[in-house]
Amino acid sequence: MIPALGLLVGVIAGLFLDVSVPLELQPYMPIAIVAALDAVFGGIRAVMEGIFDNKVFVVSFVANVLIAALIVFLGDQLGVGAQLSTAVIVVLGIRIFTNVASIRRLVFRA
């Protein structure tokens, strides 16, 4: 119930508050969102497998976002930001689809 309430509060806040991301941080937002989605789907999978731990989820959520943003930042500094952004998206995308496939197997027993 608490996660659903938090989601509802977040959606309502997003609709009514004008949140703007500074121009310097905009290239990192898609990467951070995909990294956060990876942690969320991993958390959902862990809940369904009965091995969820709050500490592990929070640490993986924050670490995923920070490490992905750091990799893209370093790529920008080295002049290969687009290539590293693509690499991060591919790796995190594979992890997301792996977690979704496991969730699907748990839900549909197939």
N, C-alpha and C. Protein backbone atom coordinates (compact mmCIF):
# COMPACT_ATOMS: atom_id res chain seq x y z
N MET A 1 0.82 -1.19 0.00
CA MET A 1 0.00 0.00 0.00
C MET A 1 0.87 1.27 0.00
N ILE A 2 1.96 1.24 0.74
CA ILE A 2 2.83 2.41 0.82
C ILE A 2 3.47 2.72 -0.53
N PRO A 3 3.99 1.71 -1.28
CA PRO A 3 4.54 2.04 -2.60
C PRO A 3 3.50 2.63 -3.55
N ALA A 4 2.28 2.11 -3.51
CA ALA A 4 1.23 2.64 -4.38
C ALA A 4 0.90 4.08 -4.00
N LEU A 5 0.86 4.37 -2.71
CA LEU A 5 0.61 5.73 -2.25
C LEU A 5 1.75 6.66 -2.68
N GLY A 6 2.98 6.18 -2.56
CA GLY A 6 4.13 6.98 -3.00
C GLY A 6 4.09 7.25 -4.50
N LEU A 7 3.70 6.25 -5.27
CA LEU A 7 3.57 6.44 -6.71
C LEU A 7 2.51 7.48 -7.03
N LEU A 8 1.38 7.39 -6.34
CA LEU A 8 0.30 8.34 -6.56
C LEU A 8 0.73 9.76 -6.21
N VAL A 9 1.39 9.93 -5.08
CA VAL A 9 1.88 11.25 -4.68
C VAL A 9 2.89 11.78 -5.70
N GLY A 10 3.76 10.90 -6.18
CA GLY A 10 4.75 11.31 -7.18
C GLY A 10 4.13 11.74 -8.49
N VAL A 11 3.13 11.00 -8.94
CA VAL A 11 2.45 11.36 -10.19
C VAL A 11 1.72 12.69 -10.04
N ILE A 12 1.03 12.85 -8.93
CA ILE A 12 0.30 14.12 -8.70
C ILE A 12 1.28 15.28 -8.61
N ALA A 13 2.37 15.10 -7.89
CA ALA A 13 3.38 16.16 -7.79
C ALA A 13 3.95 16.50 -9.16
N GLY A 14 4.20 15.48 -9.98
CA GLY A 14 4.72 15.71 -11.31
C GLY A 14 3.77 16.46 -12.22
N LEU A 15 2.49 16.26 -12.00
CA LEU A 15 1.49 16.94 -12.83
C LEU A 15 1.33 18.41 -12.45
N PHE A 16 1.46 18.71 -11.16
CA PHE A 16 1.18 20.06 -10.70
C PHE A 16 2.43 20.93 -10.49
N LEU A 17 3.58 20.35 -10.34
CA LEU A 17 4.81 21.12 -10.15
C LEU A 17 5.55 21.25 -11.47
N ASP A 18 6.07 22.41 -11.72
CA ASP A 18 6.86 22.63 -12.94
C ASP A 18 8.32 22.37 -12.61
N VAL A 19 8.74 21.15 -12.89
CA VAL A 19 10.11 20.74 -12.60
C VAL A 19 10.90 20.83 -13.90
N SER A 20 11.97 21.61 -13.87
CA SER A 20 12.81 21.71 -15.06
C SER A 20 14.22 21.23 -14.70
N VAL A 21 14.79 20.51 -15.62
CA VAL A 21 16.14 19.99 -15.44
C VAL A 21 17.10 20.99 -16.08
N PRO A 22 18.17 21.35 -15.36
CA PRO A 22 19.14 22.27 -15.94
C PRO A 22 19.71 21.73 -17.26
N LEU A 23 20.02 22.63 -18.15
CA LEU A 23 20.50 22.26 -19.48
C LEU A 23 21.73 21.35 -19.43
N GLU A 24 22.60 21.60 -18.45
CA GLU A 24 23.83 20.80 -18.34
C GLU A 24 23.55 19.34 -17.97
N LEU A 25 22.44 19.09 -17.28
CA LEU A 25 22.13 17.74 -16.83
C LEU A 25 21.20 16.98 -17.76
N GLN A 26 20.63 17.65 -18.74
CA GLN A 26 19.67 17.00 -19.63
C GLN A 26 20.22 15.80 -20.39
N PRO A 27 21.48 15.79 -20.81
CA PRO A 27 21.98 14.59 -21.50
C PRO A 27 22.03 13.35 -20.60
N TYR A 28 22.06 13.55 -19.29
CA TYR A 28 22.19 12.44 -18.36
C TYR A 28 20.83 11.89 -17.90
N MET A 29 19.76 12.63 -18.13
CA MET A 29 18.45 12.21 -17.65
C MET A 29 17.97 10.89 -18.26
N PRO A 30 18.06 10.69 -19.58
CA PRO A 30 17.60 9.40 -20.12
C PRO A 30 18.38 8.23 -19.54
N ILE A 31 19.67 8.41 -19.36
CA ILE A 31 20.51 7.35 -18.81
C ILE A 31 20.10 7.07 -17.37
N ALA A 32 19.88 8.12 -16.60
CA ALA A 32 19.48 7.96 -15.20
C ALA A 32 18.12 7.28 -15.10
N ILE A 33 17.20 7.61 -15.99
CA ILE A 33 15.88 7.00 -15.97
C ILE A 33 15.96 5.52 -16.30
N VAL A 34 16.74 5.16 -17.30
CA VAL A 34 16.89 3.75 -17.66
C VAL A 34 17.57 2.99 -16.53
N ALA A 35 18.57 3.60 -15.90
CA ALA A 35 19.24 2.95 -14.77
C ALA A 35 18.27 2.75 -13.61
N ALA A 36 17.42 3.75 -13.36
CA ALA A 36 16.43 3.62 -12.30
C ALA A 36 15.41 2.53 -12.63
N LEU A 37 14.99 2.45 -13.88
CA LEU A 37 14.06 1.40 -14.30
C LEU A 37 14.67 0.01 -14.11
N ASP A 38 15.97 -0.11 -14.36
CA ASP A 38 16.65 -1.38 -14.14
C ASP A 38 16.54 -1.79 -12.68
N ALA A 39 16.78 -0.85 -11.77
CA ALA A 39 16.68 -1.16 -10.35
C ALA A 39 15.24 -1.50 -9.96
N VAL A 40 14.28 -0.78 -10.52
CA VAL A 40 12.87 -1.03 -10.18
C VAL A 40 12.44 -2.42 -10.64
N PHE A 41 12.77 -2.78 -11.87
CA PHE A 41 12.39 -4.11 -12.34
C PHE A 41 13.14 -5.21 -11.59
N GLY A 42 14.38 -4.94 -11.19
CA GLY A 42 15.10 -5.88 -10.34
C GLY A 42 14.43 -6.04 -8.99
N GLY A 43 13.92 -4.93 -8.45
CA GLY A 43 13.21 -4.99 -7.18
C GLY A 43 11.90 -5.76 -7.29
N ILE A 44 11.18 -5.54 -8.38
CA ILE A 44 9.93 -6.28 -8.60
C ILE A 44 10.22 -7.77 -8.70
N ARG A 45 11.28 -8.10 -9.42
CA ARG A 45 11.65 -9.51 -9.55
C ARG A 45 12.01 -10.10 -8.18
N ALA A 46 12.76 -9.35 -7.38
CA ALA A 46 13.15 -9.83 -6.05
C ALA A 46 11.93 -10.02 -5.16
N VAL A 47 10.96 -9.12 -5.24
CA VAL A 47 9.72 -9.28 -4.45
C VAL A 47 9.01 -10.56 -4.84
N MET A 48 8.91 -10.80 -6.13
CA MET A 48 8.19 -11.98 -6.61
C MET A 48 8.92 -13.27 -6.26
N GLU A 49 10.26 -13.19 -6.16
CA GLU A 49 11.04 -14.37 -5.79
C GLU A 49 11.15 -14.53 -4.27
N GLY A 50 10.66 -13.53 -3.53
CA GLY A 50 10.69 -13.60 -2.08
C GLY A 50 12.03 -13.27 -1.46
N ILE A 51 12.89 -12.56 -2.20
CA ILE A 51 14.23 -12.24 -1.68
C ILE A 51 14.48 -10.74 -1.61
N PHE A 52 13.43 -9.94 -1.61
CA PHE A 52 13.58 -8.49 -1.62
C PHE A 52 14.17 -8.00 -0.30
N ASP A 53 15.09 -7.04 -0.41
CA ASP A 53 15.69 -6.40 0.77
C ASP A 53 15.73 -4.90 0.50
N ASN A 54 15.16 -4.12 1.41
CA ASN A 54 15.09 -2.67 1.23
C ASN A 54 16.46 -2.04 1.02
N LYS A 55 17.42 -2.45 1.82
CA LYS A 55 18.77 -1.86 1.73
C LYS A 55 19.40 -2.15 0.37
N VAL A 56 19.26 -3.38 -0.07
CA VAL A 56 19.83 -3.75 -1.37
C VAL A 56 19.17 -2.95 -2.48
N PHE A 57 17.85 -2.78 -2.40
CA PHE A 57 17.14 -2.04 -3.43
C PHE A 57 17.60 -0.58 -3.48
N VAL A 58 17.65 0.07 -2.33
CA VAL A 58 18.04 1.48 -2.29
C VAL A 58 19.47 1.66 -2.79
N VAL A 59 20.37 0.80 -2.33
CA VAL A 59 21.76 0.90 -2.76
C VAL A 59 21.88 0.65 -4.26
N SER A 60 21.19 -0.37 -4.77
CA SER A 60 21.29 -0.64 -6.22
C SER A 60 20.66 0.48 -7.03
N PHE A 61 19.56 1.05 -6.55
CA PHE A 61 18.91 2.15 -7.25
C PHE A 61 19.87 3.34 -7.37
N VAL A 62 20.41 3.77 -6.24
CA VAL A 62 21.32 4.93 -6.24
C VAL A 62 22.59 4.62 -7.01
N ALA A 63 23.16 3.45 -6.79
CA ALA A 63 24.41 3.09 -7.46
C ALA A 63 24.21 3.00 -8.97
N ASN A 64 23.12 2.38 -9.43
CA ASN A 64 22.86 2.29 -10.87
C ASN A 64 22.81 3.67 -11.51
N VAL A 65 22.07 4.57 -10.89
CA VAL A 65 21.92 5.91 -11.46
C VAL A 65 23.25 6.65 -11.46
N LEU A 66 23.96 6.61 -10.35
CA LEU A 66 25.23 7.34 -10.27
C LEU A 66 26.30 6.77 -11.19
N ILE A 67 26.41 5.45 -11.23
CA ILE A 67 27.43 4.84 -12.09
C ILE A 67 27.12 5.07 -13.56
N ALA A 68 25.87 4.94 -13.95
CA ALA A 68 25.50 5.18 -15.35
C ALA A 68 25.79 6.63 -15.73
N ALA A 69 25.41 7.57 -14.87
CA ALA A 69 25.68 8.98 -15.15
C ALA A 69 27.17 9.26 -15.19
N LEU A 70 27.92 8.64 -14.30
CA LEU A 70 29.39 8.84 -14.29
C LEU A 70 30.03 8.31 -15.57
N ILE A 71 29.58 7.16 -16.03
CA ILE A 71 30.14 6.61 -17.27
C ILE A 71 29.87 7.55 -18.44
N VAL A 72 28.65 8.06 -18.52
CA VAL A 72 28.31 8.99 -19.62
C VAL A 72 29.09 10.30 -19.47
N PHE A 73 29.23 10.78 -18.24
CA PHE A 73 30.01 12.00 -18.01
C PHE A 73 31.46 11.80 -18.45
N LEU A 74 32.05 10.69 -18.07
CA LEU A 74 33.43 10.42 -18.49
C LEU A 74 33.53 10.30 -20.00
N GLY A 75 32.53 9.69 -20.61
CA GLY A 75 32.51 9.60 -22.07
C GLY A 75 32.44 10.97 -22.71
N ASP A 76 31.65 11.87 -22.13
CA ASP A 76 31.58 13.24 -22.64
C ASP A 76 32.93 13.93 -22.52
N GLN A 77 33.60 13.72 -21.40
CA GLN A 77 34.90 14.33 -21.18
C GLN A 77 35.95 13.80 -22.16
N LEU A 78 35.82 12.54 -22.53
CA LEU A 78 36.77 11.92 -23.46
C LEU A 78 36.37 12.11 -24.92
N GLY A 79 35.19 12.66 -25.15
CA GLY A 79 34.74 12.89 -26.52
C GLY A 79 34.05 11.70 -27.15
N VAL A 80 33.69 10.71 -26.34
CA VAL A 80 33.01 9.52 -26.86
C VAL A 80 31.69 9.30 -26.10
N GLY A 81 31.04 10.40 -25.72
CA GLY A 81 29.83 10.32 -24.92
C GLY A 81 28.71 9.56 -25.58
N ALA A 82 28.53 9.74 -26.88
CA ALA A 82 27.43 9.06 -27.58
C ALA A 82 27.64 7.54 -27.57
N GLN A 83 28.88 7.12 -27.78
CA GLN A 83 29.17 5.68 -27.80
C GLN A 83 28.97 5.06 -26.42
N LEU A 84 29.43 5.75 -25.38
CA LEU A 84 29.25 5.21 -24.04
C LEU A 84 27.80 5.27 -23.60
N SER A 85 27.07 6.29 -24.03
CA SER A 85 25.64 6.35 -23.73
C SER A 85 24.93 5.15 -24.35
N THR A 86 25.27 4.84 -25.59
CA THR A 86 24.67 3.70 -26.27
C THR A 86 25.02 2.41 -25.55
N ALA A 87 26.27 2.28 -25.13
CA ALA A 87 26.69 1.07 -24.42
C ALA A 87 25.93 0.91 -23.10
N VAL A 88 25.78 1.99 -22.36
CA VAL A 88 25.06 1.93 -21.09
C VAL A 88 23.60 1.55 -21.33
N ILE A 89 22.97 2.17 -22.33
CA ILE A 89 21.57 1.86 -22.63
C ILE A 89 21.42 0.40 -23.04
N VAL A 90 22.35 -0.12 -23.83
CA VAL A 90 22.27 -1.52 -24.27
C VAL A 90 22.39 -2.46 -23.08
N VAL A 91 23.38 -2.23 -22.22
CA VAL A 91 23.58 -3.09 -21.07
C VAL A 91 22.38 -3.04 -20.12
N LEU A 92 21.93 -1.84 -19.81
CA LEU A 92 20.79 -1.73 -18.91
C LEU A 92 19.52 -2.26 -19.55
N GLY A 93 19.38 -2.08 -20.86
CA GLY A 93 18.23 -2.63 -21.57
C GLY A 93 18.20 -4.15 -21.50
N ILE A 94 19.35 -4.77 -21.66
CA ILE A 94 19.44 -6.22 -21.55
C ILE A 94 19.03 -6.67 -20.16
N ARG A 95 19.51 -5.95 -19.14
CA ARG A 95 19.15 -6.30 -17.75
C ARG A 95 17.65 -6.12 -17.51
N ILE A 96 17.08 -5.05 -18.04
CA ILE A 96 15.65 -4.82 -17.87
C ILE A 96 14.85 -5.94 -18.52
N PHE A 97 15.20 -6.30 -19.75
CA PHE A 97 14.46 -7.36 -20.44
C PHE A 97 14.65 -8.71 -19.76
N THR A 98 15.82 -8.96 -19.19
CA THR A 98 16.05 -10.19 -18.44
C THR A 98 15.15 -10.24 -17.21
N ASN A 99 15.07 -9.11 -16.49
CA ASN A 99 14.20 -9.07 -15.31
C ASN A 99 12.73 -9.20 -15.70
N VAL A 100 12.32 -8.53 -16.77
CA VAL A 100 10.93 -8.64 -17.22
C VAL A 100 10.61 -10.07 -17.65
N ALA A 101 11.55 -10.74 -18.30
CA ALA A 101 11.33 -12.13 -18.69
C ALA A 101 11.17 -13.02 -17.45
N SER A 102 11.96 -12.77 -16.43
CA SER A 102 11.83 -13.55 -15.19
C SER A 102 10.49 -13.26 -14.51
N ILE A 103 10.08 -12.00 -14.52
CA ILE A 103 8.79 -11.63 -13.94
C ILE A 103 7.66 -12.32 -14.70
N ARG A 104 7.76 -12.31 -16.02
CA ARG A 104 6.74 -12.97 -16.84
C ARG A 104 6.66 -14.46 -16.51
N ARG A 105 7.83 -15.10 -16.37
CA ARG A 105 7.83 -16.53 -16.04
C ARG A 105 7.20 -16.77 -14.68
N LEU A 106 7.47 -15.90 -13.72
CA LEU A 106 6.88 -16.06 -12.38
C LEU A 106 5.38 -15.83 -12.38
N VAL A 107 4.93 -14.86 -13.18
CA VAL A 107 3.49 -14.54 -13.21
C VAL A 107 2.71 -15.61 -13.96
N PHE A 108 3.20 -15.99 -15.15
CA PHE A 108 2.44 -16.91 -16.01
C PHE A 108 2.89 -18.35 -15.91
N ARG A 109 3.90 -18.60 -15.10
CA ARG A 109 4.42 -19.96 -14.94
C ARG A 109 4.81 -20.57 -16.28
N ALA A 110 5.34 -19.71 -17.15
CA ALA A 110 5.72 -20.17 -18.49
C ALA A 110 7.08 -19.63 -18.87
